[in-house]
Amino acid sequence: MDQEYAVYAGIIVAIFWLYYMLRLSRFRWDIIWLPFGPLSAGAICLYVDHMLTESSEEVRKLRGYMYTYKAS
């Protein structure tokens, strides 16, 4: 749930950088990564959280199999 806040913060920072870049007299292509960096970081946080959640569910399921096998 906390990783969703990373995406929201990334959106706010991206809006700030886009606004600043559009106010420049000349559009600079070398700083185009500035708005997309925070969004990418937030997306990576969401992806890692999703993968860790799936992994912990799989570990929990495998532990259940181990105890079922030991009990029989």
PDB file of N, CA and C in Angstrom:
ATOM      1  N   MET A   1       0.819  -1.186   0.000  1.00  0.00           N
ATOM      2  CA  MET A   1       0.000   0.000   0.000  1.00  0.00           C
ATOM      3  C   MET A   1       0.869   1.259   0.000  1.00  0.00           C
ATOM      4  N   ASP A   2       2.005   1.205   0.690  1.00  0.00           N
ATOM      5  CA  ASP A   2       2.867   2.382   0.756  1.00  0.00           C
ATOM      6  C   ASP A   2       3.520   2.679  -0.584  1.00  0.00           C
ATOM      7  N   GLN A   3       3.675   1.657  -1.414  1.00  0.00           N
ATOM      8  CA  GLN A   3       4.314   1.879  -2.703  1.00  0.00           C
ATOM      9  C   GLN A   3       3.422   2.705  -3.624  1.00  0.00           C
ATOM     10  N   GLU A   4       2.128   2.686  -3.399  1.00  0.00           N
ATOM     11  CA  GLU A   4       1.238   3.519  -4.215  1.00  0.00           C
ATOM     12  C   GLU A   4       1.538   4.999  -3.989  1.00  0.00           C
ATOM     13  N   TYR A   5       1.953   5.339  -2.783  1.00  0.00           N
ATOM     14  CA  TYR A   5       2.304   6.724  -2.506  1.00  0.00           C
ATOM     15  C   TYR A   5       3.539   7.141  -3.291  1.00  0.00           C
ATOM     16  N   ALA A   6       4.429   6.189  -3.580  1.00  0.00           N
ATOM     17  CA  ALA A   6       5.604   6.499  -4.394  1.00  0.00           C
ATOM     18  C   ALA A   6       5.177   6.916  -5.794  1.00  0.00           C
ATOM     19  N   VAL A   7       4.144   6.279  -6.325  1.00  0.00           N
ATOM     20  CA  VAL A   7       3.650   6.646  -7.655  1.00  0.00           C
ATOM     21  C   VAL A   7       3.016   8.032  -7.614  1.00  0.00           C
ATOM     22  N   TYR A   8       2.238   8.307  -6.561  1.00  0.00           N
ATOM     23  CA  TYR A   8       1.614   9.627  -6.443  1.00  0.00           C
ATOM     24  C   TYR A   8       2.673  10.719  -6.326  1.00  0.00           C
ATOM     25  N   ALA A   9       3.708  10.472  -5.526  1.00  0.00           N
ATOM     26  CA  ALA A   9       4.790  11.448  -5.397  1.00  0.00           C
ATOM     27  C   ALA A   9       5.507  11.613  -6.733  1.00  0.00           C
ATOM     28  N   GLY A  10       5.686  10.519  -7.463  1.00  0.00           N
ATOM     29  CA  GLY A  10       6.319  10.588  -8.777  1.00  0.00           C
ATOM     30  C   GLY A  10       5.504  11.411  -9.758  1.00  0.00           C
ATOM     31  N   ILE A  11       4.188  11.299  -9.685  1.00  0.00           N
ATOM     32  CA  ILE A  11       3.326  12.084 -10.569  1.00  0.00           C
ATOM     33  C   ILE A  11       3.457  13.574 -10.258  1.00  0.00           C
ATOM     34  N   ILE A  12       3.509  13.906  -8.972  1.00  0.00           N
ATOM     35  CA  ILE A  12       3.642  15.317  -8.587  1.00  0.00           C
ATOM     36  C   ILE A  12       4.975  15.878  -9.077  1.00  0.00           C
ATOM     37  N   VAL A  13       6.053  15.112  -8.889  1.00  0.00           N
ATOM     38  CA  VAL A  13       7.365  15.576  -9.339  1.00  0.00           C
ATOM     39  C   VAL A  13       7.405  15.674 -10.862  1.00  0.00           C
ATOM     40  N   ALA A  14       6.766  14.720 -11.562  1.00  0.00           N
ATOM     41  CA  ALA A  14       6.739  14.760 -13.030  1.00  0.00           C
ATOM     42  C   ALA A  14       5.982  15.989 -13.523  1.00  0.00           C
ATOM     43  N   ILE A  15       4.872  16.317 -12.876  1.00  0.00           N
ATOM     44  CA  ILE A  15       4.115  17.514 -13.265  1.00  0.00           C
ATOM     45  C   ILE A  15       4.961  18.764 -13.050  1.00  0.00           C
ATOM     46  N   PHE A  16       5.687  18.812 -11.923  1.00  0.00           N
ATOM     47  CA  PHE A  16       6.561  19.958 -11.671  1.00  0.00           C
ATOM     48  C   PHE A  16       7.601  20.103 -12.773  1.00  0.00           C
ATOM     49  N   TRP A  17       8.278  19.007 -13.123  1.00  0.00           N
ATOM     50  CA  TRP A  17       9.329  19.097 -14.132  1.00  0.00           C
ATOM     51  C   TRP A  17       8.762  19.411 -15.518  1.00  0.00           C
ATOM     52  N   LEU A  18       7.607  18.843 -15.847  1.00  0.00           N
ATOM     53  CA  LEU A  18       7.005  19.175 -17.142  1.00  0.00           C
ATOM     54  C   LEU A  18       6.639  20.656 -17.214  1.00  0.00           C
ATOM     55  N   TYR A  19       6.071  21.181 -16.135  1.00  0.00           N
ATOM     56  CA  TYR A  19       5.723  22.603 -16.098  1.00  0.00           C
ATOM     57  C   TYR A  19       6.984  23.453 -16.253  1.00  0.00           C
ATOM     58  N   TYR A  20       8.034  23.115 -15.535  1.00  0.00           N
ATOM     59  CA  TYR A  20       9.279  23.864 -15.616  1.00  0.00           C
ATOM     60  C   TYR A  20       9.891  23.774 -17.014  1.00  0.00           C
ATOM     61  N   MET A  21       9.861  22.583 -17.607  1.00  0.00           N
ATOM     62  CA  MET A  21      10.450  22.406 -18.932  1.00  0.00           C
ATOM     63  C   MET A  21       9.669  23.169 -19.997  1.00  0.00           C
ATOM     64  N   LEU A  22       8.352  23.228 -19.863  1.00  0.00           N
ATOM     65  CA  LEU A  22       7.546  23.948 -20.847  1.00  0.00           C
ATOM     66  C   LEU A  22       7.702  25.467 -20.721  1.00  0.00           C
ATOM     67  N   ARG A  23       8.126  25.938 -19.555  1.00  0.00           N
ATOM     68  CA  ARG A  23       8.346  27.375 -19.371  1.00  0.00           C
ATOM     69  C   ARG A  23       9.686  27.826 -19.933  1.00  0.00           C
ATOM     70  N   LEU A  24      10.586  26.900 -20.241  1.00  0.00           N
ATOM     71  CA  LEU A  24      11.878  27.284 -20.796  1.00  0.00           C
ATOM     72  C   LEU A  24      11.685  27.906 -22.173  1.00  0.00           C
ATOM     73  N   SER A  25      12.563  28.815 -22.514  1.00  0.00           N
ATOM     74  CA  SER A  25      12.440  29.483 -23.807  1.00  0.00           C
ATOM     75  C   SER A  25      12.751  28.519 -24.967  1.00  0.00           C
ATOM     76  N   ARG A  26      13.611  27.558 -24.699  1.00  0.00           N
ATOM     77  CA  ARG A  26      13.978  26.590 -25.727  1.00  0.00           C
ATOM     78  C   ARG A  26      13.856  25.200 -25.106  1.00  0.00           C
ATOM     79  N   PHE A  27      13.160  24.303 -25.783  1.00  0.00           N
ATOM     80  CA  PHE A  27      12.983  22.953 -25.249  1.00  0.00           C
ATOM     81  C   PHE A  27      14.308  22.205 -25.313  1.00  0.00           C
ATOM     82  N   ARG A  28      14.708  21.650 -24.191  1.00  0.00           N
ATOM     83  CA  ARG A  28      15.981  20.935 -24.124  1.00  0.00           C
ATOM     84  C   ARG A  28      15.727  19.443 -24.054  1.00  0.00           C
ATOM     85  N   TRP A  29      16.217  18.704 -25.022  1.00  0.00           N
ATOM     86  CA  TRP A  29      16.012  17.263 -25.077  1.00  0.00           C
ATOM     87  C   TRP A  29      16.909  16.505 -24.104  1.00  0.00           C
ATOM     88  N   ASP A  30      17.978  17.157 -23.632  1.00  0.00           N
ATOM     89  CA  ASP A  30      18.882  16.447 -22.727  1.00  0.00           C
ATOM     90  C   ASP A  30      18.315  16.301 -21.311  1.00  0.00           C
ATOM     91  N   ILE A  31      17.239  17.014 -20.976  1.00  0.00           N
ATOM     92  CA  ILE A  31      16.633  16.872 -19.653  1.00  0.00           C
ATOM     93  C   ILE A  31      15.253  16.228 -19.721  1.00  0.00           C
ATOM     94  N   ILE A  32      14.967  15.564 -20.811  1.00  0.00           N
ATOM     95  CA  ILE A  32      13.649  14.929 -20.967  1.00  0.00           C
ATOM     96  C   ILE A  32      13.439  13.801 -19.951  1.00  0.00           C
ATOM     97  N   TRP A  33      14.523  13.248 -19.421  1.00  0.00           N
ATOM     98  CA  TRP A  33      14.407  12.159 -18.458  1.00  0.00           C
ATOM     99  C   TRP A  33      13.872  12.639 -17.110  1.00  0.00           C
ATOM    100  N   LEU A  34      13.953  13.925 -16.816  1.00  0.00           N
ATOM    101  CA  LEU A  34      13.545  14.417 -15.498  1.00  0.00           C
ATOM    102  C   LEU A  34      12.096  14.100 -15.136  1.00  0.00           C
ATOM    103  N   PRO A  35      11.123  14.290 -16.021  1.00  0.00           N
ATOM    104  CA  PRO A  35       9.755  13.931 -15.619  1.00  0.00           C
ATOM    105  C   PRO A  35       9.524  12.424 -15.552  1.00  0.00           C
ATOM    106  N   PHE A  36      10.283  11.666 -16.324  1.00  0.00           N
ATOM    107  CA  PHE A  36      10.023  10.224 -16.382  1.00  0.00           C
ATOM    108  C   PHE A  36      10.795   9.427 -15.345  1.00  0.00           C
ATOM    109  N   GLY A  37      11.824  10.002 -14.760  1.00  0.00           N
ATOM    110  CA  GLY A  37      12.597   9.315 -13.728  1.00  0.00           C
ATOM    111  C   GLY A  37      11.776   8.959 -12.501  1.00  0.00           C
ATOM    112  N   PRO A  38      11.077   9.930 -11.890  1.00  0.00           N
ATOM    113  CA  PRO A  38      10.264   9.603 -10.709  1.00  0.00           C
ATOM    114  C   PRO A  38       9.120   8.638 -11.025  1.00  0.00           C
ATOM    115  N   LEU A  39       8.526   8.771 -12.199  1.00  0.00           N
ATOM    116  CA  LEU A  39       7.454   7.832 -12.560  1.00  0.00           C
ATOM    117  C   LEU A  39       8.000   6.421 -12.711  1.00  0.00           C
ATOM    118  N   SER A  40       9.174   6.295 -13.293  1.00  0.00           N
ATOM    119  CA  SER A  40       9.794   4.976 -13.443  1.00  0.00           C
ATOM    120  C   SER A  40      10.137   4.379 -12.084  1.00  0.00           C
ATOM    121  N   ALA A  41      10.640   5.204 -11.185  1.00  0.00           N
ATOM    122  CA  ALA A  41      10.970   4.708  -9.848  1.00  0.00           C
ATOM    123  C   ALA A  41       9.719   4.223  -9.117  1.00  0.00           C
ATOM    124  N   GLY A  42       8.622   4.956  -9.228  1.00  0.00           N
ATOM    125  CA  GLY A  42       7.371   4.520  -8.609  1.00  0.00           C
ATOM    126  C   GLY A  42       6.854   3.232  -9.210  1.00  0.00           C
ATOM    127  N   ALA A  43       6.974   3.098 -10.538  1.00  0.00           N
ATOM    128  CA  ALA A  43       6.529   1.858 -11.195  1.00  0.00           C
ATOM    129  C   ALA A  43       7.399   0.682 -10.774  1.00  0.00           C
ATOM    130  N   ILE A  44       8.690   0.908 -10.620  1.00  0.00           N
ATOM    131  CA  ILE A  44       9.574  -0.171 -10.165  1.00  0.00           C
ATOM    132  C   ILE A  44       9.219  -0.579  -8.738  1.00  0.00           C
ATOM    133  N   CYS A  45       8.890   0.383  -7.884  1.00  0.00           N
ATOM    134  CA  CYS A  45       8.467   0.063  -6.514  1.00  0.00           C
ATOM    135  C   CYS A  45       7.212  -0.800  -6.516  1.00  0.00           C
ATOM    136  N   LEU A  46       6.237  -0.447  -7.352  1.00  0.00           N
ATOM    137  CA  LEU A  46       5.016  -1.247  -7.433  1.00  0.00           C
ATOM    138  C   LEU A  46       5.303  -2.656  -7.941  1.00  0.00           C
ATOM    139  N   TYR A  47       6.188  -2.777  -8.923  1.00  0.00           N
ATOM    140  CA  TYR A  47       6.534  -4.089  -9.473  1.00  0.00           C
ATOM    141  C   TYR A  47       7.237  -4.955  -8.427  1.00  0.00           C
ATOM    142  N   VAL A  48       8.191  -4.379  -7.708  1.00  0.00           N
ATOM    143  CA  VAL A  48       8.912  -5.141  -6.683  1.00  0.00           C
ATOM    144  C   VAL A  48       7.957  -5.561  -5.572  1.00  0.00           C
ATOM    145  N   ASP A  49       7.054  -4.674  -5.167  1.00  0.00           N
ATOM    146  CA  ASP A  49       6.072  -5.032  -4.143  1.00  0.00           C
ATOM    147  C   ASP A  49       5.188  -6.178  -4.604  1.00  0.00           C
ATOM    148  N   HIS A  50       4.759  -6.132  -5.850  1.00  0.00           N
ATOM    149  CA  HIS A  50       3.924  -7.200  -6.398  1.00  0.00           C
ATOM    150  C   HIS A  50       4.681  -8.531  -6.415  1.00  0.00           C
ATOM    151  N   MET A  51       5.942  -8.501  -6.842  1.00  0.00           N
ATOM    152  CA  MET A  51       6.729  -9.733  -6.903  1.00  0.00           C
ATOM    153  C   MET A  51       6.999 -10.303  -5.506  1.00  0.00           C
ATOM    154  N   LEU A  52       7.254  -9.434  -4.525  1.00  0.00           N
ATOM    155  CA  LEU A  52       7.481  -9.914  -3.161  1.00  0.00           C
ATOM    156  C   LEU A  52       6.208 -10.512  -2.568  1.00  0.00           C
ATOM    157  N   THR A  53       5.069  -9.920  -2.869  1.00  0.00           N
ATOM    158  CA  THR A  53       3.801 -10.465  -2.384  1.00  0.00           C
ATOM    159  C   THR A  53       3.547 -11.843  -2.977  1.00  0.00           C
ATOM    160  N   GLU A  54       3.775 -11.985  -4.286  1.00  0.00           N
ATOM    161  CA  GLU A  54       3.601 -13.296  -4.920  1.00  0.00           C
ATOM    162  C   GLU A  54       4.562 -14.317  -4.342  1.00  0.00           C
ATOM    163  N   SER A  55       5.797 -13.932  -4.121  1.00  0.00           N
ATOM    164  CA  SER A  55       6.800 -14.858  -3.590  1.00  0.00           C
ATOM    165  C   SER A  55       6.442 -15.306  -2.180  1.00  0.00           C
ATOM    166  N   SER A  56       5.987 -14.380  -1.346  1.00  0.00           N
ATOM    167  CA  SER A  56       5.633 -14.765   0.018  1.00  0.00           C
ATOM    168  C   SER A  56       4.419 -15.686   0.028  1.00  0.00           C
ATOM    169  N   GLU A  57       3.487 -15.505  -0.890  1.00  0.00           N
ATOM    170  CA  GLU A  57       2.345 -16.425  -0.986  1.00  0.00           C
ATOM    171  C   GLU A  57       2.805 -17.812  -1.414  1.00  0.00           C
ATOM    172  N   GLU A  58       3.746 -17.865  -2.357  1.00  0.00           N
ATOM    173  CA  GLU A  58       4.277 -19.164  -2.793  1.00  0.00           C
ATOM    174  C   GLU A  58       5.045 -19.848  -1.667  1.00  0.00           C
ATOM    175  N   VAL A  59       5.822 -19.103  -0.902  1.00  0.00           N
ATOM    176  CA  VAL A  59       6.565 -19.683   0.221  1.00  0.00           C
ATOM    177  C   VAL A  59       5.593 -20.218   1.260  1.00  0.00           C
ATOM    178  N   ARG A  60       4.535 -19.466   1.541  1.00  0.00           N
ATOM    179  CA  ARG A  60       3.532 -19.913   2.507  1.00  0.00           C
ATOM    180  C   ARG A  60       2.870 -21.210   2.026  1.00  0.00           C
ATOM    181  N   LYS A  61       2.583 -21.286   0.729  1.00  0.00           N
ATOM    182  CA  LYS A  61       1.963 -22.490   0.185  1.00  0.00           C
ATOM    183  C   LYS A  61       2.921 -23.688   0.267  1.00  0.00           C
ATOM    184  N   LEU A  62       4.182 -23.463  -0.058  1.00  0.00           N
ATOM    185  CA  LEU A  62       5.165 -24.548   0.008  1.00  0.00           C
ATOM    186  C   LEU A  62       5.398 -25.014   1.439  1.00  0.00           C
ATOM    187  N   ARG A  63       5.396 -24.105   2.394  1.00  0.00           N
ATOM    188  CA  ARG A  63       5.528 -24.514   3.797  1.00  0.00           C
ATOM    189  C   ARG A  63       4.346 -25.364   4.224  1.00  0.00           C
ATOM    190  N   GLY A  64       3.163 -25.025   3.753  1.00  0.00           N
ATOM    191  CA  GLY A  64       1.987 -25.841   4.050  1.00  0.00           C
ATOM    192  C   GLY A  64       2.120 -27.244   3.487  1.00  0.00           C
ATOM    193  N   TYR A  65       2.679 -27.375   2.290  1.00  0.00           N
ATOM    194  CA  TYR A  65       2.914 -28.696   1.711  1.00  0.00           C
ATOM    195  C   TYR A  65       3.910 -29.480   2.538  1.00  0.00           C
ATOM    196  N   MET A  66       4.960 -28.820   3.030  1.00  0.00           N
ATOM    197  CA  MET A  66       5.993 -29.509   3.809  1.00  0.00           C
ATOM    198  C   MET A  66       5.395 -30.062   5.092  1.00  0.00           C
ATOM    199  N   TYR A  67       4.596 -29.280   5.802  1.00  0.00           N
ATOM    200  CA  TYR A  67       4.032 -29.754   7.053  1.00  0.00           C
ATOM    201  C   TYR A  67       2.985 -30.830   6.807  1.00  0.00           C
ATOM    202  N   THR A  68       2.269 -30.781   5.722  1.00  0.00           N
ATOM    203  CA  THR A  68       1.313 -31.827   5.384  1.00  0.00           C
ATOM    204  C   THR A  68       2.060 -33.128   5.096  1.00  0.00           C
ATOM    205  N   TYR A  69       3.185 -33.035   4.408  1.00  0.00           N
ATOM    206  CA  TYR A  69       3.976 -34.224   4.086  1.00  0.00           C
ATOM    207  C   TYR A  69       4.579 -34.824   5.355  1.00  0.00           C
ATOM    208  N   LYS A  70       5.082 -33.989   6.266  1.00  0.00           N
ATOM    209  CA  LYS A  70       5.695 -34.486   7.491  1.00  0.00           C
ATOM    210  C   LYS A  70       4.664 -35.133   8.412  1.00  0.00           C
ATOM    211  N   ALA A  71       3.435 -34.660   8.372  1.00  0.00           N
ATOM    212  CA  ALA A  71       2.396 -35.176   9.247  1.00  0.00           C
ATOM    213  C   ALA A  71       1.957 -36.577   8.826  1.00  0.00           C
ATOM    214  N   SER A  72       2.109 -36.922   7.555  1.00  0.00           N
ATOM    215  CA  SER A  72       1.626 -38.239   7.108  1.00  0.00           C
ATOM    216  C   SER A  72       2.679 -39.313   7.211  1.00  0.00           C
TER     217      SER A  72
END
